[in-house]
Amino acid sequence: MTEIASPYISHPRIMVLGVQPGNPPFRIVEIDGAVIGEAKSFTDVLVAAAAYGIPVHDADDPEAVRWVGGDKHTWTIH
């Protein structure tokens, strides 16, 4: 049986990219496809979202936030 790919692909407004080396390490945050800055903690992501008027009720919901290279607990390089 062949599966048909869904024509709907979720594009959350917030994307948090993988951990980058730094002191301290950070993650690049994109909102609506534009880089808006760096986050050094999960709280920084929530503050950035609030600054753009985006409520984050469930940061584990892939339709709300896409975490690339780890989840909301990943803030160091492995």
Protein backbone atom coordinates (compact mmCIF):
# COMPACT_ATOMS: atom_id res chain seq x y z
CA MET A 1 0.00 0.00 0.00
CA THR A 2 1.32 3.43 -0.90
CA GLU A 3 0.94 6.33 1.48
CA ILE A 4 -0.07 9.67 0.06
CA ALA A 5 1.87 12.62 1.41
CA SER A 6 -0.21 15.25 3.11
CA PRO A 7 -0.51 18.47 1.11
CA TYR A 8 -0.45 20.34 4.42
CA ILE A 9 2.96 20.89 5.96
CA SER A 10 3.06 22.76 9.22
CA HIS A 11 4.98 26.03 9.18
CA PRO A 12 5.07 27.31 12.74
CA ARG A 13 5.72 31.01 13.19
CA ILE A 14 8.64 30.31 15.54
CA MET A 15 11.68 28.28 14.56
CA VAL A 16 14.61 27.72 16.93
CA LEU A 17 17.73 26.52 15.11
CA GLY A 18 20.46 24.24 16.46
CA VAL A 19 22.93 25.21 19.16
CA GLN A 20 25.80 27.42 17.99
CA PRO A 21 29.18 27.61 19.71
CA GLY A 22 29.65 30.64 21.90
CA ASN A 23 30.20 31.66 25.49
CA PRO A 24 27.49 30.84 26.37
CA PRO A 25 26.20 28.70 23.48
CA PHE A 26 23.11 30.11 21.76
CA ARG A 27 20.39 29.25 19.27
CA ILE A 28 19.20 31.45 16.41
CA VAL A 29 15.49 32.29 16.55
CA GLU A 30 13.37 32.95 13.48
CA ILE A 31 9.87 34.37 13.56
CA ASP A 32 7.75 34.35 10.41
CA GLY A 33 10.85 33.32 8.43
CA ALA A 34 13.03 36.23 9.56
CA VAL A 35 15.99 35.92 11.91
CA ILE A 36 15.13 38.01 14.96
CA GLY A 37 18.09 37.20 17.21
CA GLU A 38 19.80 34.77 19.53
CA ALA A 39 18.39 32.84 22.46
CA LYS A 40 20.58 31.58 25.26
CA SER A 41 17.71 29.92 27.12
CA PHE A 42 14.14 28.73 26.72
CA THR A 43 13.02 31.91 28.46
CA ASP A 44 14.66 33.99 25.71
CA VAL A 45 12.50 32.19 23.13
CA LEU A 46 9.34 32.96 25.10
CA VAL A 47 10.34 36.62 25.53
CA ALA A 48 11.00 36.94 21.77
CA ALA A 49 7.65 35.36 20.96
CA ALA A 50 5.86 37.73 23.34
CA ALA A 51 7.64 40.72 21.78
CA TYR A 52 6.11 39.70 18.44
CA GLY A 53 2.68 39.11 19.99
CA ILE A 54 2.81 35.33 19.66
CA PRO A 55 1.46 33.41 22.67
CA VAL A 56 3.19 30.07 23.22
CA HIS A 57 0.85 27.83 25.18
CA ASP A 58 2.66 24.57 24.39
CA ALA A 59 6.32 24.80 23.33
CA ASP A 60 6.29 21.07 22.56
CA ASP A 61 3.59 21.52 19.91
CA PRO A 62 5.35 21.41 16.50
CA GLU A 63 2.63 23.67 15.09
CA ALA A 64 3.63 26.36 17.61
CA VAL A 65 7.44 26.04 17.72
CA ARG A 66 9.82 24.04 15.55
CA TRP A 67 12.97 23.01 17.43
CA VAL A 68 15.84 22.12 15.07
CA GLY A 69 18.73 20.10 16.47
CA GLY A 70 17.20 19.45 19.86
CA ASP A 71 14.24 20.42 21.99
CA LYS A 72 13.50 23.22 24.44
CA HIS A 73 15.96 21.66 26.90
CA THR A 74 18.92 21.58 24.45
CA TRP A 75 21.23 24.56 25.07
CA THR A 76 24.70 23.03 24.87
CA ILE A 77 26.67 21.48 22.01
CA HIS A 78 26.82 17.70 22.21
